[in-house]
Amino acid sequence: MADAPKSLDDQLQDQREQSENTIRELETQLMRAKEGYLKICGAQEYAAILKKQAEEASESTTTEVVDP
């Protein structure tokens, strides 16, 4: 009977360690997903800036040609 609580304690400790490892792995995956998301957002902002600059350059070129 003394072995039963010890065995239960061992099982619970194993489950606890497994849960801790799972949480660590999931936190790492979440961190990587967030980093990827932020990179994508940054790329979108950069693309929007480039598009705006191209439009402004196009407008200034058009204005110069139309108004000599």
N, C-alpha and C. Protein backbone atom coordinates (compact mmCIF):
# COMPACT_ATOMS: atom_id res chain seq x y z
N MET A 1 0.81 -1.18 0.00
CA MET A 1 0.00 0.00 0.00
C MET A 1 0.86 1.26 0.00
N ALA A 2 2.04 1.17 0.58
CA ALA A 2 2.94 2.32 0.63
C ALA A 2 3.45 2.64 -0.78
N ASP A 3 3.50 1.63 -1.64
CA ASP A 3 3.96 1.86 -3.00
C ASP A 3 2.94 2.62 -3.84
N ALA A 4 1.69 2.45 -3.55
CA ALA A 4 0.64 3.10 -4.33
C ALA A 4 0.75 4.61 -4.29
N PRO A 5 0.86 5.27 -3.13
CA PRO A 5 1.01 6.72 -3.13
C PRO A 5 2.31 7.16 -3.81
N LYS A 6 3.37 6.39 -3.63
CA LYS A 6 4.64 6.73 -4.28
C LYS A 6 4.47 6.67 -5.80
N SER A 7 3.82 5.63 -6.27
CA SER A 7 3.58 5.48 -7.69
C SER A 7 2.70 6.62 -8.20
N LEU A 8 1.69 6.98 -7.42
CA LEU A 8 0.81 8.08 -7.81
C LEU A 8 1.59 9.39 -7.85
N ASP A 9 2.45 9.60 -6.85
CA ASP A 9 3.28 10.80 -6.85
C ASP A 9 4.19 10.85 -8.07
N ASP A 10 4.77 9.70 -8.41
CA ASP A 10 5.64 9.64 -9.59
C ASP A 10 4.85 9.95 -10.87
N GLN A 11 3.67 9.39 -10.96
CA GLN A 11 2.83 9.65 -12.14
C GLN A 11 2.46 11.11 -12.25
N LEU A 12 2.09 11.68 -11.12
CA LEU A 12 1.71 13.10 -11.12
C LEU A 12 2.91 13.98 -11.45
N GLN A 13 4.08 13.62 -10.94
CA GLN A 13 5.29 14.39 -11.26
C GLN A 13 5.61 14.30 -12.75
N ASP A 14 5.47 13.11 -13.32
CA ASP A 14 5.70 12.93 -14.76
C ASP A 14 4.71 13.77 -15.57
N GLN A 15 3.45 13.75 -15.16
CA GLN A 15 2.44 14.55 -15.87
C GLN A 15 2.75 16.04 -15.75
N ARG A 16 3.19 16.44 -14.59
CA ARG A 16 3.54 17.85 -14.38
C ARG A 16 4.69 18.25 -15.30
N GLU A 17 5.73 17.44 -15.35
CA GLU A 17 6.88 17.73 -16.19
C GLU A 17 6.49 17.76 -17.67
N GLN A 18 5.64 16.84 -18.08
CA GLN A 18 5.16 16.83 -19.46
C GLN A 18 4.38 18.09 -19.78
N SER A 19 3.54 18.51 -18.85
CA SER A 19 2.77 19.74 -19.05
C SER A 19 3.68 20.96 -19.12
N GLU A 20 4.68 20.99 -18.25
CA GLU A 20 5.63 22.11 -18.29
C GLU A 20 6.36 22.16 -19.62
N ASN A 21 6.78 21.01 -20.11
CA ASN A 21 7.48 20.96 -21.40
C ASN A 21 6.56 21.38 -22.54
N THR A 22 5.32 20.93 -22.49
CA THR A 22 4.35 21.30 -23.52
C THR A 22 4.14 22.81 -23.52
N ILE A 23 4.01 23.39 -22.34
CA ILE A 23 3.81 24.84 -22.25
C ILE A 23 5.01 25.58 -22.81
N ARG A 24 6.22 25.14 -22.48
CA ARG A 24 7.43 25.79 -23.00
C ARG A 24 7.46 25.72 -24.54
N GLU A 25 7.15 24.54 -25.07
CA GLU A 25 7.15 24.37 -26.52
C GLU A 25 6.10 25.27 -27.18
N LEU A 26 4.92 25.34 -26.60
CA LEU A 26 3.86 26.16 -27.16
C LEU A 26 4.20 27.66 -27.06
N GLU A 27 4.84 28.05 -25.96
CA GLU A 27 5.27 29.44 -25.84
C GLU A 27 6.30 29.80 -26.90
N THR A 28 7.20 28.87 -27.17
CA THR A 28 8.20 29.09 -28.22
C THR A 28 7.53 29.21 -29.58
N GLN A 29 6.57 28.33 -29.86
CA GLN A 29 5.85 28.40 -31.13
C GLN A 29 5.08 29.71 -31.26
N LEU A 30 4.46 30.14 -30.17
CA LEU A 30 3.71 31.39 -30.18
C LEU A 30 4.64 32.57 -30.43
N MET A 31 5.80 32.57 -29.79
CA MET A 31 6.76 33.64 -29.99
C MET A 31 7.21 33.71 -31.46
N ARG A 32 7.46 32.56 -32.05
CA ARG A 32 7.87 32.52 -33.46
C ARG A 32 6.74 33.00 -34.37
N ALA A 33 5.52 32.62 -34.05
CA ALA A 33 4.37 33.06 -34.84
C ALA A 33 4.21 34.58 -34.74
N LYS A 34 4.39 35.12 -33.56
CA LYS A 34 4.30 36.57 -33.38
C LYS A 34 5.39 37.29 -34.16
N GLU A 35 6.61 36.75 -34.12
CA GLU A 35 7.71 37.35 -34.88
C GLU A 35 7.39 37.34 -36.37
N GLY A 36 6.87 36.23 -36.86
CA GLY A 36 6.49 36.15 -38.27
C GLY A 36 5.41 37.15 -38.62
N TYR A 37 4.43 37.29 -37.75
CA TYR A 37 3.35 38.24 -37.95
C TYR A 37 3.90 39.67 -38.03
N LEU A 38 4.78 40.00 -37.10
CA LEU A 38 5.35 41.35 -37.09
C LEU A 38 6.19 41.62 -38.34
N LYS A 39 6.88 40.62 -38.82
CA LYS A 39 7.66 40.78 -40.06
C LYS A 39 6.73 41.05 -41.24
N ILE A 40 5.63 40.34 -41.29
CA ILE A 40 4.66 40.53 -42.37
C ILE A 40 4.06 41.93 -42.29
N CYS A 41 3.71 42.37 -41.08
CA CYS A 41 3.16 43.72 -40.91
C CYS A 41 4.18 44.77 -41.34
N GLY A 42 5.43 44.57 -40.99
CA GLY A 42 6.48 45.50 -41.40
C GLY A 42 6.64 45.52 -42.91
N ALA A 43 6.57 44.37 -43.53
CA ALA A 43 6.68 44.31 -44.99
C ALA A 43 5.52 45.02 -45.65
N GLN A 44 4.32 44.89 -45.09
CA GLN A 44 3.16 45.59 -45.64
C GLN A 44 3.32 47.11 -45.52
N GLU A 45 3.81 47.56 -44.39
CA GLU A 45 4.04 48.99 -44.20
C GLU A 45 5.08 49.50 -45.20
N TYR A 46 6.14 48.73 -45.39
CA TYR A 46 7.19 49.12 -46.33
C TYR A 46 6.64 49.17 -47.75
N ALA A 47 5.83 48.19 -48.11
CA ALA A 47 5.23 48.17 -49.45
C ALA A 47 4.32 49.37 -49.65
N ALA A 48 3.57 49.75 -48.61
CA ALA A 48 2.69 50.92 -48.71
C ALA A 48 3.50 52.19 -48.89
N ILE A 49 4.62 52.30 -48.19
CA ILE A 49 5.48 53.47 -48.33
C ILE A 49 6.05 53.54 -49.74
N LEU A 50 6.52 52.42 -50.26
CA LEU A 50 7.06 52.40 -51.62
C LEU A 50 6.00 52.78 -52.64
N LYS A 51 4.79 52.27 -52.46
CA LYS A 51 3.70 52.57 -53.37
C LYS A 51 3.39 54.06 -53.35
N LYS A 52 3.35 54.64 -52.16
CA LYS A 52 3.06 56.07 -52.02
C LYS A 52 4.17 56.90 -52.67
N GLN A 53 5.40 56.52 -52.45
CA GLN A 53 6.52 57.24 -53.05
C GLN A 53 6.48 57.15 -54.57
N ALA A 54 6.13 55.99 -55.09
CA ALA A 54 6.05 55.81 -56.53
C ALA A 54 4.92 56.67 -57.11
N GLU A 55 3.79 56.72 -56.40
CA GLU A 55 2.67 57.55 -56.86
C GLU A 55 3.05 59.04 -56.84
N GLU A 56 3.72 59.46 -55.78
CA GLU A 56 4.14 60.86 -55.68
C GLU A 56 5.14 61.20 -56.78
N ALA A 57 6.06 60.30 -57.06
CA ALA A 57 7.04 60.53 -58.12
C ALA A 57 6.35 60.60 -59.47
N SER A 58 5.36 59.73 -59.67
CA SER A 58 4.62 59.72 -60.92
C SER A 58 3.83 61.01 -61.09
N GLU A 59 3.22 61.48 -60.01
CA GLU A 59 2.45 62.72 -60.07
C GLU A 59 3.35 63.92 -60.36
N SER A 60 4.51 63.96 -59.74
CA SER A 60 5.40 65.10 -59.97
C SER A 60 5.96 65.05 -61.39
N THR A 61 6.20 63.88 -61.93
CA THR A 61 6.68 63.75 -63.30
C THR A 61 5.58 64.17 -64.26
N THR A 62 4.36 63.77 -64.00
CA THR A 62 3.22 64.13 -64.84
C THR A 62 3.00 65.63 -64.80
N THR A 63 3.10 66.21 -63.65
CA THR A 63 2.89 67.65 -63.50
C THR A 63 3.96 68.41 -64.27
N GLU A 64 5.18 67.99 -64.24
CA GLU A 64 6.26 68.68 -64.94
C GLU A 64 6.05 68.59 -66.45
N VAL A 65 5.59 67.48 -66.93
CA VAL A 65 5.41 67.31 -68.38
C VAL A 65 4.22 68.14 -68.85
N VAL A 66 3.14 68.18 -68.08
CA VAL A 66 1.94 68.90 -68.48
C VAL A 66 2.16 70.40 -68.39
N ASP A 67 2.85 70.88 -67.38
CA ASP A 67 3.07 72.31 -67.18
C ASP A 67 4.53 72.67 -67.50
N PRO A 68 4.84 72.96 -68.75
CA PRO A 68 6.24 73.27 -69.11
C PRO A 68 6.65 74.67 -68.67
